[in-house]
Amino acid sequence: MPQPSRLLVEHVEDVAVVTFTESSIVNTQQIDSIREELFHMVDKKACKRMILDMTKVRQLSSAALGVLIPVNENIKKIKGTLVLMGAQPEVVKIFKITRLDKLFVFKDSEKAALKHLKVKKG
């Protein structure tokens, strides 16, 4: 039986707005599921512009970070952009401690993320 999606995907023009549906992303099964979904979007559907809505996320494991890095790299390889949106302070702290904050673009809102991608919603 297929696992329920751990991501909610909406599109604004050609931008995939991907929302994490869980507040804690720490166990292997979750991370594997998220990895599969994100890589499918980038590698199979050639999604070049993506916003990851992290508003609900309160806990993020190092293994979850290990998924986001290659997703970001793969999007860059196809000349795209990944934006992390709405990350809570405790999550941003993880990125800063690991110095991964230098690899990602962070925006506070969907409006700001879309503006960064030069998209007007509406």
C-alpha atoms as a PDB file:
ATOM      1  CA  MET A   1       0.000   0.000   0.000  1.00  0.00           C
ATOM      2  CA  PRO A   2       1.496   3.388  -0.988  1.00  0.00           C
ATOM      3  CA  GLN A   3       2.506   5.781   1.764  1.00  0.00           C
ATOM      4  CA  PRO A   4       0.504   8.990   2.083  1.00  0.00           C
ATOM      5  CA  SER A   5       2.378  11.988   0.778  1.00  0.00           C
ATOM      6  CA  ARG A   6       4.328  13.931   3.372  1.00  0.00           C
ATOM      7  CA  LEU A   7       4.351  16.909   1.022  1.00  0.00           C
ATOM      8  CA  LEU A   8       1.578  19.101  -0.331  1.00  0.00           C
ATOM      9  CA  VAL A   9       2.407  20.480  -3.774  1.00  0.00           C
ATOM     10  CA  GLU A  10       0.786  23.480  -5.402  1.00  0.00           C
ATOM     11  CA  HIS A  11       1.891  25.412  -8.461  1.00  0.00           C
ATOM     12  CA  VAL A  12       2.118  29.145  -8.982  1.00  0.00           C
ATOM     13  CA  GLU A  13       2.991  29.563 -12.644  1.00  0.00           C
ATOM     14  CA  ASP A  14       5.992  27.237 -13.138  1.00  0.00           C
ATOM     15  CA  VAL A  15       7.011  27.303  -9.467  1.00  0.00           C
ATOM     16  CA  ALA A  16       6.305  24.254  -7.303  1.00  0.00           C
ATOM     17  CA  VAL A  17       5.330  25.375  -3.813  1.00  0.00           C
ATOM     18  CA  VAL A  18       6.003  22.313  -1.663  1.00  0.00           C
ATOM     19  CA  THR A  19       4.676  22.303   1.897  1.00  0.00           C
ATOM     20  CA  PHE A  20       5.956  19.904   4.529  1.00  0.00           C
ATOM     21  CA  THR A  21       2.856  18.478   6.217  1.00  0.00           C
ATOM     22  CA  GLU A  22       4.584  17.327   9.413  1.00  0.00           C
ATOM     23  CA  SER A  23       6.268  19.306  12.170  1.00  0.00           C
ATOM     24  CA  SER A  24       8.984  16.762  12.850  1.00  0.00           C
ATOM     25  CA  ILE A  25      11.140  15.320  10.076  1.00  0.00           C
ATOM     26  CA  VAL A  26      13.435  12.946  11.880  1.00  0.00           C
ATOM     27  CA  ASN A  27      12.660   9.295  11.143  1.00  0.00           C
ATOM     28  CA  THR A  28      14.093   7.307   8.267  1.00  0.00           C
ATOM     29  CA  GLN A  29      10.738   6.384   6.709  1.00  0.00           C
ATOM     30  CA  GLN A  30       9.656  10.043   6.533  1.00  0.00           C
ATOM     31  CA  ILE A  31      12.962  11.156   5.110  1.00  0.00           C
ATOM     32  CA  ASP A  32      13.022   8.402   2.476  1.00  0.00           C
ATOM     33  CA  SER A  33       9.499   9.325   1.396  1.00  0.00           C
ATOM     34  CA  ILE A  34      10.369  13.029   1.167  1.00  0.00           C
ATOM     35  CA  ARG A  35      13.574  12.209  -0.733  1.00  0.00           C
ATOM     36  CA  GLU A  36      11.641  10.171  -3.299  1.00  0.00           C
ATOM     37  CA  GLU A  37       9.002  12.853  -3.806  1.00  0.00           C
ATOM     38  CA  LEU A  38      11.452  15.747  -4.132  1.00  0.00           C
ATOM     39  CA  PHE A  39      13.830  13.901  -6.454  1.00  0.00           C
ATOM     40  CA  HIS A  40      10.905  12.783  -8.601  1.00  0.00           C
ATOM     41  CA  MET A  41       9.818  16.412  -8.992  1.00  0.00           C
ATOM     42  CA  VAL A  42      13.295  17.620  -9.913  1.00  0.00           C
ATOM     43  CA  ASP A  43      14.671  14.683 -11.903  1.00  0.00           C
ATOM     44  CA  LYS A  44      11.557  13.315 -13.598  1.00  0.00           C
ATOM     45  CA  LYS A  45       9.402  16.410 -13.938  1.00  0.00           C
ATOM     46  CA  ALA A  46      12.324  18.834 -14.418  1.00  0.00           C
ATOM     47  CA  CYS A  47      11.001  21.218 -11.794  1.00  0.00           C
ATOM     48  CA  LYS A  48      13.436  24.133 -12.061  1.00  0.00           C
ATOM     49  CA  ARG A  49      11.891  26.511  -9.553  1.00  0.00           C
ATOM     50  CA  MET A  50      10.794  25.294  -6.143  1.00  0.00           C
ATOM     51  CA  ILE A  51       9.754  26.811  -2.842  1.00  0.00           C
ATOM     52  CA  LEU A  52       9.925  24.528   0.185  1.00  0.00           C
ATOM     53  CA  ASP A  53       7.428  25.783   2.757  1.00  0.00           C
ATOM     54  CA  MET A  54       8.941  24.892   6.112  1.00  0.00           C
ATOM     55  CA  THR A  55       6.462  26.859   8.218  1.00  0.00           C
ATOM     56  CA  LYS A  56       5.195  23.755  10.062  1.00  0.00           C
ATOM     57  CA  VAL A  57       8.619  22.185  10.618  1.00  0.00           C
ATOM     58  CA  ARG A  58       9.930  22.375  14.185  1.00  0.00           C
ATOM     59  CA  GLN A  59      12.436  19.493  14.117  1.00  0.00           C
ATOM     60  CA  LEU A  60      14.760  18.533  11.290  1.00  0.00           C
ATOM     61  CA  SER A  61      17.376  15.778  11.487  1.00  0.00           C
ATOM     62  CA  SER A  62      20.779  15.806   9.861  1.00  0.00           C
ATOM     63  CA  ALA A  63      19.510  13.085   7.519  1.00  0.00           C
ATOM     64  CA  ALA A  64      16.743  15.442   6.385  1.00  0.00           C
ATOM     65  CA  LEU A  65      19.370  18.107   5.715  1.00  0.00           C
ATOM     66  CA  GLY A  66      21.170  15.434   3.719  1.00  0.00           C
ATOM     67  CA  VAL A  67      18.155  15.297   1.404  1.00  0.00           C
ATOM     68  CA  LEU A  68      17.867  19.039   0.889  1.00  0.00           C
ATOM     69  CA  ILE A  69      21.495  19.499  -0.180  1.00  0.00           C
ATOM     70  CA  PRO A  70      21.373  17.240  -3.289  1.00  0.00           C
ATOM     71  CA  VAL A  71      17.887  18.513  -4.181  1.00  0.00           C
ATOM     72  CA  ASN A  72      19.316  22.037  -4.189  1.00  0.00           C
ATOM     73  CA  GLU A  73      22.330  20.873  -6.235  1.00  0.00           C
ATOM     74  CA  ASN A  74      20.129  19.078  -8.788  1.00  0.00           C
ATOM     75  CA  ILE A  75      17.929  22.136  -9.219  1.00  0.00           C
ATOM     76  CA  LYS A  76      21.026  24.285  -9.747  1.00  0.00           C
ATOM     77  CA  LYS A  77      22.323  21.808 -12.365  1.00  0.00           C
ATOM     78  CA  ILE A  78      19.228  22.483 -14.475  1.00  0.00           C
ATOM     79  CA  LYS A  79      19.698  26.234 -13.919  1.00  0.00           C
ATOM     80  CA  GLY A  80      16.902  26.495 -11.395  1.00  0.00           C
ATOM     81  CA  THR A  81      16.392  27.947  -7.939  1.00  0.00           C
ATOM     82  CA  LEU A  82      15.290  26.478  -4.618  1.00  0.00           C
ATOM     83  CA  VAL A  83      13.947  28.792  -1.908  1.00  0.00           C
ATOM     84  CA  LEU A  84      13.307  27.729   1.689  1.00  0.00           C
ATOM     85  CA  MET A  85      10.339  29.620   3.065  1.00  0.00           C
ATOM     86  CA  GLY A  86       9.000  30.212   6.548  1.00  0.00           C
ATOM     87  CA  ALA A  87      11.687  28.308   8.412  1.00  0.00           C
ATOM     88  CA  GLN A  88      11.214  28.632  12.163  1.00  0.00           C
ATOM     89  CA  PRO A  89      14.106  30.056  14.244  1.00  0.00           C
ATOM     90  CA  GLU A  90      14.984  26.637  15.677  1.00  0.00           C
ATOM     91  CA  VAL A  91      15.256  25.218  12.146  1.00  0.00           C
ATOM     92  CA  VAL A  92      17.272  28.169  10.838  1.00  0.00           C
ATOM     93  CA  LYS A  93      19.622  27.621  13.790  1.00  0.00           C
ATOM     94  CA  ILE A  94      20.334  24.075  12.535  1.00  0.00           C
ATOM     95  CA  PHE A  95      21.238  25.469   9.120  1.00  0.00           C
ATOM     96  CA  LYS A  96      23.507  28.091  10.705  1.00  0.00           C
ATOM     97  CA  ILE A  97      25.268  25.628  13.030  1.00  0.00           C
ATOM     98  CA  THR A  98      26.030  23.361  10.064  1.00  0.00           C
ATOM     99  CA  ARG A  99      26.893  26.391   7.905  1.00  0.00           C
ATOM    100  CA  LEU A 100      24.343  25.247   5.351  1.00  0.00           C
ATOM    101  CA  ASP A 101      22.635  28.636   5.575  1.00  0.00           C
ATOM    102  CA  LYS A 102      25.198  29.749   2.968  1.00  0.00           C
ATOM    103  CA  LEU A 103      23.902  27.184   0.439  1.00  0.00           C
ATOM    104  CA  PHE A 104      20.215  28.077   0.585  1.00  0.00           C
ATOM    105  CA  VAL A 105      18.022  31.106  -0.016  1.00  0.00           C
ATOM    106  CA  PHE A 106      15.687  31.772   2.938  1.00  0.00           C
ATOM    107  CA  LYS A 107      12.539  33.899   2.707  1.00  0.00           C
ATOM    108  CA  ASP A 108       9.950  34.604   5.401  1.00  0.00           C
ATOM    109  CA  SER A 109       6.793  34.390   3.280  1.00  0.00           C
ATOM    110  CA  GLU A 110       5.438  32.941   0.068  1.00  0.00           C
ATOM    111  CA  LYS A 111       5.108  36.451  -1.307  1.00  0.00           C
ATOM    112  CA  ALA A 112       8.811  37.140  -0.640  1.00  0.00           C
ATOM    113  CA  ALA A 113       9.836  33.755  -2.077  1.00  0.00           C
ATOM    114  CA  LEU A 114       7.797  34.314  -5.231  1.00  0.00           C
ATOM    115  CA  LYS A 115       9.224  37.813  -5.558  1.00  0.00           C
ATOM    116  CA  HIS A 116      12.735  36.342  -5.312  1.00  0.00           C
ATOM    117  CA  LEU A 117      11.770  34.012  -8.180  1.00  0.00           C
ATOM    118  CA  LYS A 118      10.278  36.983 -10.069  1.00  0.00           C
ATOM    119  CA  VAL A 119       6.729  35.610  -9.974  1.00  0.00           C
ATOM    120  CA  LYS A 120       3.643  37.666  -9.185  1.00  0.00           C
ATOM    121  CA  LYS A 121       0.908  35.642  -7.497  1.00  0.00           C
ATOM    122  CA  GLY A 122      -2.607  36.295  -8.570  1.00  0.00           C
END
